[in-house]
Amino acid sequence: MFRETIVALFMHNIPSMVMIVILVIAWKREDIAGMLLVFCATGFGVMLGLKGRLMWGTLIMLAIPVFIGILFSANHYLFGRKQAE
């Protein structure tokens, strides 16, 4: 019983762990982090769409990481990297 609880806890925290890894990457490389956020949100949307579980609320929730990824990429390409690294 304890093992199933640990496996379920880990399985449900995988998306959060992926977002934490992307955030760590974002501290160093904004362009890559932006593309990863857009890719992850799009992939999750496609996965839900193939299972027939894609609803308007899901699209709204997926739009948030896509928008943040676009902002990361725009910040990198419009304002460039810092020279003091």
N, C-alpha and C. Protein backbone atom coordinates (compact mmCIF):
# COMPACT_ATOMS: atom_id res chain seq x y z
N MET A 1 0.82 -1.19 0.00
CA MET A 1 0.00 0.00 0.00
C MET A 1 0.88 1.26 0.00
N PHE A 2 1.94 1.24 0.77
CA PHE A 2 2.83 2.40 0.82
C PHE A 2 3.51 2.62 -0.53
N ARG A 3 3.89 1.52 -1.19
CA ARG A 3 4.57 1.63 -2.48
C ARG A 3 3.66 2.26 -3.52
N GLU A 4 2.37 1.84 -3.57
CA GLU A 4 1.43 2.41 -4.53
C GLU A 4 1.21 3.90 -4.28
N THR A 5 1.22 4.30 -3.01
CA THR A 5 1.05 5.72 -2.68
C THR A 5 2.24 6.54 -3.16
N ILE A 6 3.44 6.02 -2.98
CA ILE A 6 4.64 6.73 -3.43
C ILE A 6 4.65 6.82 -4.95
N VAL A 7 4.31 5.75 -5.65
CA VAL A 7 4.28 5.76 -7.11
C VAL A 7 3.23 6.75 -7.61
N ALA A 8 2.05 6.78 -7.00
CA ALA A 8 1.00 7.71 -7.41
C ALA A 8 1.42 9.16 -7.14
N LEU A 9 2.09 9.40 -6.03
CA LEU A 9 2.55 10.75 -5.71
C LEU A 9 3.59 11.21 -6.75
N PHE A 10 4.52 10.35 -7.08
CA PHE A 10 5.53 10.69 -8.08
C PHE A 10 4.91 10.92 -9.45
N MET A 11 3.97 10.04 -9.82
CA MET A 11 3.35 10.14 -11.14
C MET A 11 2.57 11.45 -11.29
N HIS A 12 1.89 11.88 -10.26
CA HIS A 12 1.11 13.10 -10.35
C HIS A 12 1.96 14.36 -10.22
N ASN A 13 3.19 14.22 -9.78
CA ASN A 13 4.08 15.37 -9.66
C ASN A 13 5.04 15.51 -10.84
N ILE A 14 4.97 14.63 -11.82
CA ILE A 14 5.85 14.71 -12.98
C ILE A 14 5.70 16.04 -13.72
N PRO A 15 4.47 16.53 -14.01
CA PRO A 15 4.37 17.83 -14.70
C PRO A 15 5.00 18.97 -13.90
N SER A 16 4.84 18.96 -12.59
CA SER A 16 5.45 20.00 -11.76
C SER A 16 6.97 19.92 -11.81
N MET A 17 7.51 18.71 -11.79
CA MET A 17 8.96 18.54 -11.86
C MET A 17 9.50 19.00 -13.21
N VAL A 18 8.77 18.74 -14.28
CA VAL A 18 9.20 19.19 -15.61
C VAL A 18 9.21 20.72 -15.65
N MET A 19 8.20 21.36 -15.08
CA MET A 19 8.16 22.83 -15.06
C MET A 19 9.28 23.41 -14.21
N ILE A 20 9.66 22.74 -13.13
CA ILE A 20 10.77 23.20 -12.30
C ILE A 20 12.08 23.11 -13.10
N VAL A 21 12.27 22.03 -13.85
CA VAL A 21 13.47 21.90 -14.68
C VAL A 21 13.51 23.00 -15.73
N ILE A 22 12.36 23.30 -16.35
CA ILE A 22 12.31 24.37 -17.35
C ILE A 22 12.62 25.71 -16.69
N LEU A 23 12.15 25.93 -15.48
CA LEU A 23 12.44 27.18 -14.77
C LEU A 23 13.93 27.32 -14.49
N VAL A 24 14.58 26.23 -14.10
CA VAL A 24 16.03 26.27 -13.87
C VAL A 24 16.77 26.59 -15.16
N ILE A 25 16.31 26.01 -16.27
CA ILE A 25 16.91 26.33 -17.56
C ILE A 25 16.68 27.79 -17.92
N ALA A 26 15.51 28.32 -17.55
CA ALA A 26 15.16 29.70 -17.90
C ALA A 26 16.09 30.71 -17.23
N TRP A 27 16.66 30.37 -16.09
CA TRP A 27 17.58 31.29 -15.45
C TRP A 27 18.82 31.55 -16.30
N LYS A 28 19.21 30.57 -17.08
CA LYS A 28 20.42 30.70 -17.89
C LYS A 28 20.12 30.97 -19.37
N ARG A 29 19.12 30.30 -19.92
CA ARG A 29 18.83 30.39 -21.35
C ARG A 29 17.34 30.67 -21.57
N GLU A 30 17.00 31.93 -21.77
CA GLU A 30 15.60 32.31 -21.94
C GLU A 30 15.01 31.76 -23.23
N ASP A 31 15.80 31.74 -24.29
CA ASP A 31 15.27 31.29 -25.58
C ASP A 31 14.91 29.80 -25.54
N ILE A 32 15.76 28.99 -24.95
CA ILE A 32 15.48 27.56 -24.87
C ILE A 32 14.29 27.30 -23.93
N ALA A 33 14.23 28.02 -22.82
CA ALA A 33 13.13 27.84 -21.88
C ALA A 33 11.80 28.22 -22.53
N GLY A 34 11.79 29.29 -23.31
CA GLY A 34 10.57 29.69 -24.00
C GLY A 34 10.08 28.63 -24.96
N MET A 35 11.02 28.06 -25.73
CA MET A 35 10.64 27.01 -26.67
C MET A 35 10.17 25.75 -25.93
N LEU A 36 10.81 25.42 -24.81
CA LEU A 36 10.41 24.24 -24.05
C LEU A 36 9.01 24.41 -23.47
N LEU A 37 8.69 25.60 -22.96
CA LEU A 37 7.35 25.84 -22.42
C LEU A 37 6.28 25.69 -23.50
N VAL A 38 6.53 26.28 -24.64
CA VAL A 38 5.56 26.18 -25.74
C VAL A 38 5.44 24.72 -26.19
N PHE A 39 6.56 24.03 -26.31
CA PHE A 39 6.55 22.63 -26.74
C PHE A 39 5.81 21.73 -25.75
N CYS A 40 6.07 21.91 -24.46
CA CYS A 40 5.40 21.08 -23.44
C CYS A 40 3.89 21.32 -23.41
N ALA A 41 3.49 22.57 -23.47
CA ALA A 41 2.05 22.87 -23.44
C ALA A 41 1.37 22.35 -24.70
N THR A 42 2.02 22.50 -25.84
CA THR A 42 1.44 22.01 -27.09
C THR A 42 1.35 20.48 -27.08
N GLY A 43 2.41 19.84 -26.61
CA GLY A 43 2.39 18.38 -26.53
C GLY A 43 1.33 17.85 -25.60
N PHE A 44 1.15 18.53 -24.46
CA PHE A 44 0.10 18.12 -23.52
C PHE A 44 -1.28 18.32 -24.15
N GLY A 45 -1.45 19.41 -24.89
CA GLY A 45 -2.73 19.65 -25.56
C GLY A 45 -3.02 18.60 -26.62
N VAL A 46 -2.00 18.23 -27.37
CA VAL A 46 -2.18 17.19 -28.40
C VAL A 46 -2.52 15.86 -27.74
N MET A 47 -1.84 15.55 -26.63
CA MET A 47 -2.11 14.30 -25.93
C MET A 47 -3.56 14.25 -25.43
N LEU A 48 -4.03 15.36 -24.86
CA LEU A 48 -5.42 15.40 -24.40
C LEU A 48 -6.40 15.38 -25.56
N GLY A 49 -6.03 16.02 -26.67
CA GLY A 49 -6.91 16.02 -27.84
C GLY A 49 -7.07 14.63 -28.43
N LEU A 50 -6.00 13.84 -28.43
CA LEU A 50 -6.07 12.48 -28.96
C LEU A 50 -6.93 11.58 -28.09
N LYS A 51 -6.99 11.87 -26.79
CA LYS A 51 -7.82 11.08 -25.89
C LYS A 51 -9.25 11.59 -25.84
N GLY A 52 -9.54 12.70 -26.51
CA GLY A 52 -10.89 13.24 -26.53
C GLY A 52 -11.26 13.99 -25.27
N ARG A 53 -10.29 14.45 -24.51
CA ARG A 53 -10.56 15.14 -23.25
C ARG A 53 -10.22 16.63 -23.31
N LEU A 54 -10.09 17.18 -24.51
CA LEU A 54 -9.73 18.58 -24.65
C LEU A 54 -10.99 19.44 -24.56
N MET A 55 -11.03 20.34 -23.57
CA MET A 55 -12.18 21.22 -23.37
C MET A 55 -11.69 22.66 -23.36
N TRP A 56 -12.63 23.61 -23.34
CA TRP A 56 -12.27 25.03 -23.35
C TRP A 56 -11.44 25.40 -22.13
N GLY A 57 -11.77 24.89 -20.97
CA GLY A 57 -11.00 25.19 -19.77
C GLY A 57 -9.57 24.70 -19.87
N THR A 58 -9.41 23.54 -20.49
CA THR A 58 -8.06 23.00 -20.69
C THR A 58 -7.27 23.89 -21.64
N LEU A 59 -7.92 24.38 -22.69
CA LEU A 59 -7.24 25.26 -23.63
C LEU A 59 -6.81 26.56 -22.95
N ILE A 60 -7.65 27.07 -22.06
CA ILE A 60 -7.30 28.29 -21.34
C ILE A 60 -6.09 28.03 -20.43
N MET A 61 -6.08 26.88 -19.74
CA MET A 61 -4.94 26.56 -18.87
C MET A 61 -3.67 26.31 -19.67
N LEU A 62 -3.79 25.76 -20.87
CA LEU A 62 -2.62 25.53 -21.71
C LEU A 62 -2.11 26.83 -22.33
N ALA A 63 -2.98 27.81 -22.45
CA ALA A 63 -2.56 29.09 -23.04
C ALA A 63 -1.59 29.83 -22.13
N ILE A 64 -1.66 29.60 -20.82
CA ILE A 64 -0.79 30.31 -19.88
C ILE A 64 0.68 29.96 -20.10
N PRO A 65 1.09 28.67 -20.10
CA PRO A 65 2.51 28.39 -20.35
C PRO A 65 2.94 28.75 -21.78
N VAL A 66 2.02 28.68 -22.75
CA VAL A 66 2.37 29.09 -24.10
C VAL A 66 2.67 30.59 -24.11
N PHE A 67 1.84 31.38 -23.46
CA PHE A 67 2.04 32.83 -23.40
C PHE A 67 3.34 33.16 -22.68
N ILE A 68 3.62 32.48 -21.57
CA ILE A 68 4.87 32.73 -20.83
C ILE A 68 6.07 32.33 -21.68
N GLY A 69 5.98 31.22 -22.41
CA GLY A 69 7.06 30.82 -23.30
C GLY A 69 7.30 31.83 -24.40
N ILE A 70 6.23 32.39 -24.94
CA ILE A 70 6.38 33.43 -25.97
C ILE A 70 7.04 34.67 -25.37
N LEU A 71 6.67 35.01 -24.14
CA LEU A 71 7.30 36.16 -23.48
C LEU A 71 8.79 35.92 -23.22
N PHE A 72 9.16 34.72 -22.79
CA PHE A 72 10.58 34.39 -22.60
C PHE A 72 11.34 34.55 -23.91
N SER A 73 10.80 34.00 -24.99
CA SER A 73 11.48 34.08 -26.28
C SER A 73 11.54 35.51 -26.78
N ALA A 74 10.46 36.25 -26.64
CA ALA A 74 10.44 37.64 -27.10
C ALA A 74 11.45 38.48 -26.31
N ASN A 75 11.54 38.25 -25.01
CA ASN A 75 12.50 38.98 -24.20
C ASN A 75 13.93 38.69 -24.66
N HIS A 76 14.21 37.44 -24.96
CA HIS A 76 15.56 37.09 -25.40
C HIS A 76 15.88 37.70 -26.76
N TYR A 77 14.97 37.59 -27.71
CA TYR A 77 15.26 38.05 -29.06
C TYR A 77 15.14 39.56 -29.22
N LEU A 78 14.29 40.21 -28.43
CA LEU A 78 14.14 41.67 -28.56
C LEU A 78 15.19 42.44 -27.76
N PHE A 79 15.50 41.95 -26.56
CA PHE A 79 16.41 42.69 -25.69
C PHE A 79 17.79 42.06 -25.59
N GLY A 80 17.97 40.88 -26.11
CA GLY A 80 19.29 40.23 -26.12
C GLY A 80 19.73 39.76 -24.76
N ARG A 81 20.87 39.09 -24.77
CA ARG A 81 21.43 38.58 -23.52
C ARG A 81 22.23 39.68 -22.84
N LYS A 82 22.39 39.54 -21.54
CA LYS A 82 23.18 40.51 -20.77
C LYS A 82 24.66 40.38 -21.13
N GLN A 83 25.34 41.48 -21.19
CA GLN A 83 26.76 41.48 -21.53
C GLN A 83 27.66 41.15 -20.33
N ALA A 84 27.13 41.27 -19.10
CA ALA A 84 27.93 41.11 -17.90
C ALA A 84 27.97 39.67 -17.40
N GLU A 85 27.83 38.69 -18.26
CA GLU A 85 27.85 37.30 -17.79
C GLU A 85 29.22 36.77 -17.68
